[in-house]
Amino acid sequence: MFKFRRRKLNLNLKWGLLPRVILAIALGIICGLFVPSWLVRAVLTFNGLFGNFLGFIIPLLILGLVAPGIAELGRSAGKLLFITAALAYGFTLASGFFSYAVSAVTFPYLLDSSTGIASFSQIAELKPYFVIAMPPVFSVMTALVLAFTLGLGMAVIQGSRLKGVMMDFRDIIDKVIVKVIIPLLPIYIFGIFMNMTVNGQVAKVLGVFAQIIVIIFIITVVMLLLQFTVAGIIGRKNPFAMLRHMLVAYATALGTQSSAATIPVTLRQTEKIGVREEVAGFVVPLCATIHMSGSTMKIVACALAIIIMSGQPVSLEQFAGFICMLGITIIAAPGVPGGAIMAALGVLESMLGFSQAELALMIALYIAMDSFGTACNVTGDGAIAVIVDKIYSRKHDSALP
């Protein structure tokens, strides 16, 4: 059994989403240099159909992921849950605003606002062979409000029938993501980059990708140092020693690209930095779902970069609301590579006005750095566990769930 799992893990690492996206980008650039017009039109047809399907599924994705996620958190309501959730959301918000501050200062000097991302989904001469309209059942904002209402309501009434329906609906959405959206994403991204190559704009975009990745990696390092400094001050521990122990979890997450798959390692390393076993056993699995500092940091930076490249004005007020909503929405991110950006698509569309072309670039750019965001998430879980352990042990040393 152990050997089978090990071979399966290696296969996932070899043929995971990131390698397929990188291959799709490379093939899209190469094919864009010489493909005939009929093939370009065929790819445009697929991209139009897939883009319309994304527009249809996004509201359902929000409802199917967010509502059950809130309901499940309500079942474990208690002081330890409240403390952990508040810290996780606080760290996530701090990460988002820190990412915005650094990106807002640096990106205007690095990025070209004349790139014109909005034109990437269009080719002047060539059109798709056909288009099928797929209007969503309801709007993104309606889905968000409905998800919050149902999720909080299910948490309060503790009923089983509606929860059962919503859990089944979540399973359906998970299957759509894993079996349909994720496998077809590389083809969609292939079409986007072939389109950009035909338009002569791919060199600009690749240059932007490289700059954004470097900036986000630096932000990640600084954010982890800040998180463990705060944890060290509260827990009266050496932040650098704690961070050194948690780097094992960081490295593991780089390979697995999954917070859930890294839980055993994160749990072991969290206990090594002095967190009690019972506290770590509660905080680490919970934070694998609700702590999204690294993911939020990447989404905010990538979204700001695309807005600047599109020549649109950047507003702190607009991004403040976006970051606050994003911190709640991506709690429901499915545990697959790229899951956070899937959960964030609705907020990007409704609050920042992203088009289908901009959403596609967000997906490609996010997935290119997916491992770093996941690694930041799980490493920061250790800092949260240290703070929870210190706060909770003062008042309720034995009142653990």
Protein backbone atom coordinates (compact mmCIF):
# COMPACT_ATOMS: atom_id res chain seq x y z
CA MET A 1 0.00 0.00 0.00
CA PHE A 2 2.77 2.40 0.89
CA LYS A 3 4.62 1.75 -2.38
CA PHE A 4 1.44 2.30 -4.38
CA ARG A 5 0.79 5.66 -2.74
CA ARG A 6 4.36 6.73 -3.29
CA ARG A 7 4.20 5.93 -6.99
CA LYS A 8 0.88 7.74 -7.28
CA LEU A 9 2.30 10.84 -5.62
CA ASN A 10 5.26 10.90 -7.97
CA LEU A 11 2.93 10.59 -10.94
CA ASN A 12 0.89 13.54 -9.71
CA LEU A 13 4.00 15.64 -9.30
CA LYS A 14 5.16 14.73 -12.79
CA TRP A 15 1.88 15.26 -14.59
CA GLY A 16 0.22 17.75 -12.27
CA LEU A 17 -1.58 20.90 -13.31
CA LEU A 18 1.47 23.17 -13.21
CA PRO A 19 3.54 21.14 -15.72
CA ARG A 20 0.52 20.90 -18.02
CA VAL A 21 -0.05 24.66 -17.84
CA ILE A 22 3.62 25.36 -18.58
CA LEU A 23 3.46 22.96 -21.54
CA ALA A 24 0.25 24.62 -22.75
CA ILE A 25 1.87 28.07 -22.62
CA ALA A 26 4.94 26.86 -24.53
CA LEU A 27 2.88 25.06 -27.18
CA GLY A 28 0.55 28.03 -27.52
CA ILE A 29 3.49 30.34 -28.23
CA ILE A 30 5.08 27.92 -30.71
CA CYS A 31 1.85 27.12 -32.54
CA GLY A 32 0.92 30.79 -32.72
CA LEU A 33 3.92 31.38 -34.98
CA PHE A 34 2.83 29.16 -37.87
CA VAL A 35 -0.65 27.58 -37.39
CA PRO A 36 -3.16 28.00 -40.23
CA SER A 37 -6.18 30.21 -39.79
CA TRP A 38 -8.65 27.28 -39.63
CA LEU A 39 -6.89 25.91 -36.54
CA VAL A 40 -6.89 29.34 -34.91
CA ARG A 41 -10.63 29.55 -35.49
CA ALA A 42 -11.13 26.07 -34.04
CA VAL A 43 -9.21 27.01 -30.90
CA LEU A 44 -11.17 30.27 -30.67
CA THR A 45 -14.37 28.23 -30.85
CA PHE A 46 -13.27 26.01 -27.97
CA ASN A 47 -12.16 29.01 -25.91
CA GLY A 48 -15.50 30.71 -26.52
CA LEU A 49 -17.43 27.64 -25.39
CA PHE A 50 -15.22 27.04 -22.35
CA GLY A 51 -15.28 30.73 -21.39
CA ASN A 52 -19.08 30.76 -21.57
CA PHE A 53 -19.21 27.59 -19.47
CA LEU A 54 -17.01 29.25 -16.85
CA GLY A 55 -19.39 32.19 -16.77
CA PHE A 56 -22.28 29.78 -16.26
CA ILE A 57 -20.61 27.67 -13.56
CA ILE A 58 -19.04 30.44 -11.44
CA PRO A 59 -22.24 31.39 -9.53
CA LEU A 60 -23.01 27.69 -8.95
CA LEU A 61 -19.43 27.13 -7.84
CA ILE A 62 -19.72 29.91 -5.26
CA LEU A 63 -23.01 28.57 -3.91
CA GLY A 64 -21.85 24.96 -3.87
CA LEU A 65 -18.56 25.66 -2.08
CA VAL A 66 -19.19 28.62 0.21
CA ALA A 67 -22.53 27.63 1.78
CA PRO A 68 -21.46 24.13 2.95
CA GLY A 69 -18.11 25.50 4.09
CA ILE A 70 -19.76 28.04 6.40
CA ALA A 71 -22.20 25.42 7.66
CA GLU A 72 -19.39 23.00 8.54
CA LEU A 73 -17.52 25.67 10.49
CA GLY A 74 -20.69 26.34 12.48
CA ARG A 75 -20.89 22.76 13.69
CA SER A 76 -17.64 23.14 15.59
CA ALA A 77 -18.53 26.48 17.11
CA GLY A 78 -16.60 27.27 20.27
CA LYS A 79 -14.01 29.59 21.71
CA LEU A 80 -11.09 27.72 20.19
CA LEU A 81 -12.76 27.83 16.78
CA PHE A 82 -13.46 31.55 17.15
CA ILE A 83 -9.87 32.34 18.14
CA THR A 84 -8.41 30.26 15.32
CA ALA A 85 -10.80 31.58 12.68
CA ALA A 86 -10.23 35.20 13.76
CA LEU A 87 -6.46 34.79 13.59
CA ALA A 88 -6.61 33.02 10.24
CA TYR A 89 -8.83 35.73 8.75
CA GLY A 90 -6.68 38.46 10.31
CA PHE A 91 -3.50 36.95 8.86
CA THR A 92 -5.22 36.59 5.49
CA LEU A 93 -6.35 40.22 5.47
CA ALA A 94 -2.91 41.43 6.57
CA SER A 95 -1.34 39.42 3.76
CA GLY A 96 -3.74 40.86 1.20
CA PHE A 97 -3.23 44.48 2.23
CA PHE A 98 0.55 44.02 2.50
CA SER A 99 0.60 42.52 -0.99
CA TYR A 100 -1.49 45.43 -2.28
CA ALA A 101 0.82 48.02 -0.69
CA VAL A 102 4.00 46.51 -2.14
CA SER A 103 2.44 45.86 -5.55
CA ALA A 104 0.89 49.34 -5.78
CA VAL A 105 4.32 50.88 -5.17
CA THR A 106 6.39 48.64 -7.45
CA PHE A 107 4.14 47.53 -10.32
CA PRO A 108 3.55 50.97 -11.90
CA TYR A 109 7.31 51.21 -12.49
CA LEU A 110 7.62 47.65 -13.80
CA LEU A 111 4.50 47.11 -15.89
CA ASP A 112 3.42 48.69 -19.16
CA SER A 113 -0.12 50.03 -19.01
CA SER A 114 -0.34 49.98 -22.80
CA THR A 115 -0.24 46.19 -23.00
CA GLY A 116 -3.98 46.04 -23.52
CA ILE A 117 -4.98 42.79 -21.87
CA ALA A 118 -8.62 43.33 -22.74
CA SER A 119 -7.78 42.66 -26.41
CA PHE A 120 -6.22 39.26 -25.78
CA SER A 121 -9.47 37.38 -26.28
CA GLN A 122 -10.07 38.86 -29.70
CA ILE A 123 -8.45 38.52 -33.11
CA ALA A 124 -9.35 41.24 -35.57
CA GLU A 125 -9.69 39.06 -38.69
CA LEU A 126 -10.59 35.62 -37.33
CA LYS A 127 -13.78 34.59 -35.54
CA PRO A 128 -14.97 31.36 -33.90
CA TYR A 129 -16.89 28.95 -36.11
CA PHE A 130 -19.89 29.23 -33.78
CA VAL A 131 -20.85 30.54 -30.35
CA ILE A 132 -23.25 29.00 -27.83
CA ALA A 133 -24.62 31.33 -25.19
CA MET A 134 -24.67 29.94 -21.64
CA PRO A 135 -26.30 32.53 -19.39
CA PRO A 136 -25.83 31.88 -15.66
CA VAL A 137 -28.77 30.90 -13.51
CA PHE A 138 -28.19 33.99 -11.34
CA SER A 139 -25.55 36.68 -10.91
CA VAL A 140 -22.32 36.31 -8.95
CA MET A 141 -23.44 38.72 -6.25
CA THR A 142 -26.73 36.86 -5.87
CA ALA A 143 -24.74 33.65 -5.45
CA LEU A 144 -22.54 35.21 -2.77
CA VAL A 145 -25.48 36.57 -0.77
CA LEU A 146 -27.40 33.31 -1.13
CA ALA A 147 -24.35 31.27 -0.08
CA PHE A 148 -23.76 33.37 3.04
CA THR A 149 -27.46 33.27 3.96
CA LEU A 150 -27.81 29.51 3.54
CA GLY A 151 -24.45 28.77 5.16
CA LEU A 152 -25.15 30.83 8.27
CA GLY A 153 -28.72 29.54 8.43
CA MET A 154 -27.61 25.91 8.30
CA ALA A 155 -25.02 26.59 11.01
CA VAL A 156 -27.70 28.06 13.28
CA ILE A 157 -30.59 25.63 12.85
CA GLN A 158 -28.39 22.50 12.85
CA GLY A 159 -30.78 20.82 10.44
CA SER A 160 -29.73 17.79 8.44
CA ARG A 161 -31.92 17.73 5.33
CA LEU A 162 -30.78 20.97 3.68
CA LYS A 163 -27.19 20.31 4.76
CA GLY A 164 -27.33 16.92 3.10
CA VAL A 165 -28.56 18.48 -0.13
CA MET A 166 -25.86 21.16 -0.05
CA MET A 167 -23.14 18.61 0.72
CA ASP A 168 -24.23 16.57 -2.31
CA PHE A 169 -24.30 19.75 -4.39
CA ARG A 170 -20.75 20.53 -3.20
CA ASP A 171 -19.65 17.04 -4.28
CA ILE A 172 -21.09 17.71 -7.73
CA ILE A 173 -19.24 21.02 -7.97
CA ASP A 174 -16.02 19.35 -6.81
CA LYS A 175 -16.43 16.76 -9.56
CA VAL A 176 -17.02 19.47 -12.16
CA ILE A 177 -13.83 21.23 -11.06
CA VAL A 178 -11.69 18.08 -10.92
CA LYS A 179 -13.10 16.23 -13.93
CA VAL A 180 -14.01 19.09 -16.30
CA ILE A 181 -12.52 22.48 -15.50
CA ILE A 182 -9.04 21.44 -14.32
CA PRO A 183 -8.39 19.00 -17.23
CA LEU A 184 -9.58 21.52 -19.83
CA LEU A 185 -7.77 24.52 -18.37
CA PRO A 186 -4.46 23.76 -20.15
CA ILE A 187 -6.28 23.70 -23.50
CA TYR A 188 -7.96 27.00 -22.66
CA ILE A 189 -4.65 28.56 -21.65
CA PHE A 190 -3.06 27.12 -24.81
CA GLY A 191 -5.65 29.02 -26.84
CA ILE A 192 -5.10 32.24 -24.89
CA PHE A 193 -1.34 32.21 -25.48
CA MET A 194 -1.66 31.17 -29.11
CA ASN A 195 -4.04 34.09 -29.50
CA MET A 196 -1.54 36.45 -27.88
CA THR A 197 1.25 35.16 -30.13
CA VAL A 198 -0.86 35.78 -33.22
CA ASN A 199 -1.47 39.33 -31.94
CA GLY A 200 2.25 39.85 -31.28
CA GLN A 201 1.74 40.51 -27.55
CA VAL A 202 3.09 37.35 -25.93
CA ALA A 203 6.58 38.73 -25.25
CA LYS A 204 5.14 41.51 -23.11
CA VAL A 205 3.03 39.10 -21.10
CA LEU A 206 5.87 36.66 -20.43
CA GLY A 207 8.06 39.54 -19.28
CA VAL A 208 5.31 40.60 -16.90
CA PHE A 209 4.97 37.03 -15.58
CA ALA A 210 8.67 36.88 -14.67
CA GLN A 211 8.59 40.22 -12.84
CA ILE A 212 5.43 39.40 -10.90
CA ILE A 213 6.76 36.01 -9.80
CA VAL A 214 9.94 37.59 -8.39
CA ILE A 215 8.00 40.30 -6.52
CA ILE A 216 5.50 37.81 -5.07
CA PHE A 217 8.28 35.48 -3.89
CA ILE A 218 9.89 38.40 -2.03
CA ILE A 219 6.52 39.35 -0.50
CA THR A 220 6.06 35.73 0.62
CA VAL A 221 9.39 35.68 2.46
CA VAL A 222 8.72 39.01 4.18
CA MET A 223 5.18 37.98 5.14
CA LEU A 224 6.34 34.74 6.76
CA LEU A 225 8.99 36.62 8.72
CA LEU A 226 6.33 39.05 9.97
CA GLN A 227 3.91 36.26 10.91
CA PHE A 228 6.50 34.35 12.92
CA THR A 229 7.79 37.54 14.51
CA VAL A 230 4.28 38.24 15.82
CA ALA A 231 3.93 34.61 16.94
CA GLY A 232 7.35 34.74 18.60
CA ILE A 233 6.48 37.89 20.54
CA ILE A 234 3.14 36.48 21.76
CA GLY A 235 4.39 32.96 22.40
CA ARG A 236 7.79 34.09 23.72
CA LYS A 237 9.67 31.91 21.27
CA ASN A 238 12.49 32.48 18.81
CA PRO A 239 10.77 33.30 15.48
CA PHE A 240 13.74 32.23 13.36
CA ALA A 241 14.01 28.87 15.13
CA MET A 242 10.28 28.28 14.64
CA LEU A 243 10.47 29.24 10.98
CA ARG A 244 13.44 26.94 10.48
CA HIS A 245 11.43 23.98 11.79
CA MET A 246 8.40 24.90 9.66
CA LEU A 247 10.50 24.99 6.46
CA VAL A 248 10.04 21.21 6.27
CA ALA A 249 6.31 21.77 5.82
CA TYR A 250 7.08 24.57 3.32
CA ALA A 251 9.19 22.24 1.20
CA THR A 252 6.57 19.48 1.37
CA ALA A 253 3.83 21.86 0.22
CA LEU A 254 5.98 22.94 -2.74
CA GLY A 255 5.81 19.36 -3.96
CA THR A 256 2.24 18.41 -3.09
CA GLN A 257 0.61 21.76 -4.02
CA SER A 258 -2.03 20.86 -1.42
CA SER A 259 -2.54 22.12 2.13
CA ALA A 260 -4.58 19.03 2.96
CA ALA A 261 -1.92 16.62 1.73
CA THR A 262 0.68 18.44 3.83
CA ILE A 263 -1.30 18.25 7.09
CA PRO A 264 0.69 15.32 8.60
CA VAL A 265 4.00 17.11 8.07
CA THR A 266 2.62 20.48 9.21
CA LEU A 267 1.21 18.83 12.33
CA ARG A 268 4.52 17.18 13.21
CA GLN A 269 6.55 20.36 12.69
CA THR A 270 4.03 22.46 14.64
CA GLU A 271 4.45 20.17 17.64
CA LYS A 272 8.23 20.49 17.28
CA ILE A 273 8.03 24.27 17.79
CA GLY A 274 6.36 23.78 21.16
CA VAL A 275 2.62 23.71 20.43
CA ARG A 276 0.68 21.22 22.54
CA GLU A 277 -0.45 18.12 20.68
CA GLU A 278 -4.16 18.69 21.30
CA VAL A 279 -4.00 22.31 20.14
CA ALA A 280 -1.97 21.47 17.04
CA GLY A 281 -4.37 18.62 16.23
CA PHE A 282 -7.26 21.07 16.12
CA VAL A 283 -5.63 24.18 14.63
CA VAL A 284 -3.59 22.66 11.80
CA PRO A 285 -6.41 20.75 10.02
CA LEU A 286 -8.75 23.73 10.45
CA CYS A 287 -6.20 26.23 9.12
CA ALA A 288 -5.56 23.98 6.12
CA THR A 289 -9.06 25.06 5.08
CA ILE A 290 -9.49 28.61 6.38
CA HIS A 291 -5.98 30.16 6.43
CA MET A 292 -5.21 31.53 2.96
CA SER A 293 -2.50 34.17 3.42
CA GLY A 294 -0.33 32.95 0.56
CA SER A 295 -3.24 32.48 -1.83
CA THR A 296 -4.70 35.91 -1.03
CA MET A 297 -1.32 37.54 -1.47
CA LYS A 298 -0.89 36.06 -4.94
CA ILE A 299 -4.43 36.82 -6.11
CA VAL A 300 -4.22 40.45 -4.98
CA ALA A 301 -0.84 41.01 -6.63
CA CYS A 302 -1.86 39.30 -9.88
CA ALA A 303 -5.18 41.16 -10.04
CA LEU A 304 -3.46 44.50 -9.47
CA ALA A 305 -0.90 43.71 -12.17
CA ILE A 306 -3.61 42.90 -14.71
CA ILE A 307 -5.54 46.07 -13.85
CA ILE A 308 -2.41 48.19 -14.31
CA MET A 309 -1.58 46.46 -17.60
CA SER A 310 -5.11 47.12 -18.79
CA GLY A 311 -4.66 50.85 -18.14
CA GLN A 312 -7.47 50.98 -15.58
CA PRO A 313 -7.32 53.19 -12.47
CA VAL A 314 -6.29 51.52 -9.21
CA SER A 315 -8.30 52.39 -6.10
CA LEU A 316 -7.52 51.41 -2.50
CA GLU A 317 -11.22 51.59 -1.64
CA GLN A 318 -12.06 49.14 -4.39
CA PHE A 319 -9.31 46.72 -3.38
CA ALA A 320 -10.13 47.00 0.32
CA GLY A 321 -13.59 45.58 -0.26
CA PHE A 322 -12.20 43.02 -2.67
CA ILE A 323 -9.60 41.77 -0.15
CA CYS A 324 -12.16 41.51 2.65
CA MET A 325 -14.58 39.53 0.46
CA LEU A 326 -11.77 37.41 -0.99
CA GLY A 327 -10.64 36.36 2.49
CA ILE A 328 -14.09 34.88 3.10
CA THR A 329 -14.75 33.43 -0.34
CA ILE A 330 -11.55 31.41 -0.76
CA ILE A 331 -12.20 29.61 2.53
CA ALA A 332 -14.34 27.37 0.33
CA ALA A 333 -11.49 26.68 -2.11
CA PRO A 334 -11.46 23.00 -3.12
CA GLY A 335 -8.36 21.05 -2.13
CA VAL A 336 -6.92 20.74 -5.63
CA PRO A 337 -4.11 22.68 -7.34
CA GLY A 338 -5.54 26.03 -8.40
CA GLY A 339 -8.57 25.63 -6.14
CA ALA A 340 -8.22 29.09 -4.58
CA ILE A 341 -8.29 30.91 -7.89
CA MET A 342 -11.39 28.91 -8.90
CA ALA A 343 -13.20 30.08 -5.76
CA ALA A 344 -12.02 33.66 -6.38
CA LEU A 345 -13.23 33.96 -9.99
CA GLY A 346 -16.66 35.24 -8.98
CA VAL A 347 -15.25 37.99 -6.77
CA LEU A 348 -12.77 39.03 -9.47
CA GLU A 349 -15.62 39.30 -11.95
CA SER A 350 -18.17 41.02 -9.71
CA MET A 351 -15.96 43.41 -7.72
CA LEU A 352 -13.08 44.15 -10.11
CA GLY A 353 -14.98 43.75 -13.38
CA PHE A 354 -12.63 41.19 -14.91
CA SER A 355 -13.47 39.93 -18.39
CA GLN A 356 -13.11 36.32 -19.51
CA ALA A 357 -9.69 37.07 -21.03
CA GLU A 358 -8.50 38.65 -17.79
CA LEU A 359 -9.84 35.73 -15.76
CA ALA A 360 -7.94 33.34 -18.03
CA LEU A 361 -4.69 35.23 -17.47
CA MET A 362 -5.35 35.26 -13.73
CA ILE A 363 -5.70 31.49 -13.79
CA ALA A 364 -2.48 31.01 -15.77
CA LEU A 365 -0.48 33.43 -13.65
CA TYR A 366 -1.82 32.05 -10.37
CA ILE A 367 -1.18 28.42 -11.27
CA ALA A 368 2.38 29.28 -12.31
CA MET A 369 2.97 30.20 -8.64
CA ASP A 370 0.50 27.83 -6.99
CA SER A 371 3.14 25.94 -5.00
CA PHE A 372 4.50 29.10 -3.38
CA GLY A 373 1.07 30.20 -2.18
CA THR A 374 0.24 26.79 -0.73
CA ALA A 375 3.64 26.63 0.99
CA CYS A 376 3.07 30.07 2.52
CA ASN A 377 -0.37 28.99 3.75
CA VAL A 378 0.80 25.85 5.56
CA THR A 379 3.92 27.47 7.00
CA GLY A 380 1.85 30.29 8.45
CA ASP A 381 -0.42 27.69 10.07
CA GLY A 382 2.42 27.06 12.52
CA ALA A 383 2.48 30.72 13.55
CA ILE A 384 -1.28 30.69 14.15
CA ALA A 385 -1.00 27.51 16.22
CA VAL A 386 1.64 29.13 18.46
CA ILE A 387 -0.61 32.14 19.12
CA VAL A 388 -3.71 30.00 19.73
CA ASP A 389 -1.76 27.77 22.09
CA LYS A 390 -0.60 30.76 24.12
CA ILE A 391 -3.95 32.58 24.24
CA TYR A 392 -6.11 29.56 24.92
CA SER A 393 -3.82 28.03 27.55
CA ARG A 394 -4.18 31.14 29.70
CA LYS A 395 -7.93 30.77 30.18
CA HIS A 396 -9.10 27.33 29.12
CA ASP A 397 -6.19 24.96 29.42
CA SER A 398 -8.44 21.93 29.55
CA ALA A 399 -11.46 23.12 27.57
CA LEU A 400 -10.45 21.71 24.20
CA PRO A 401 -12.95 20.11 21.81
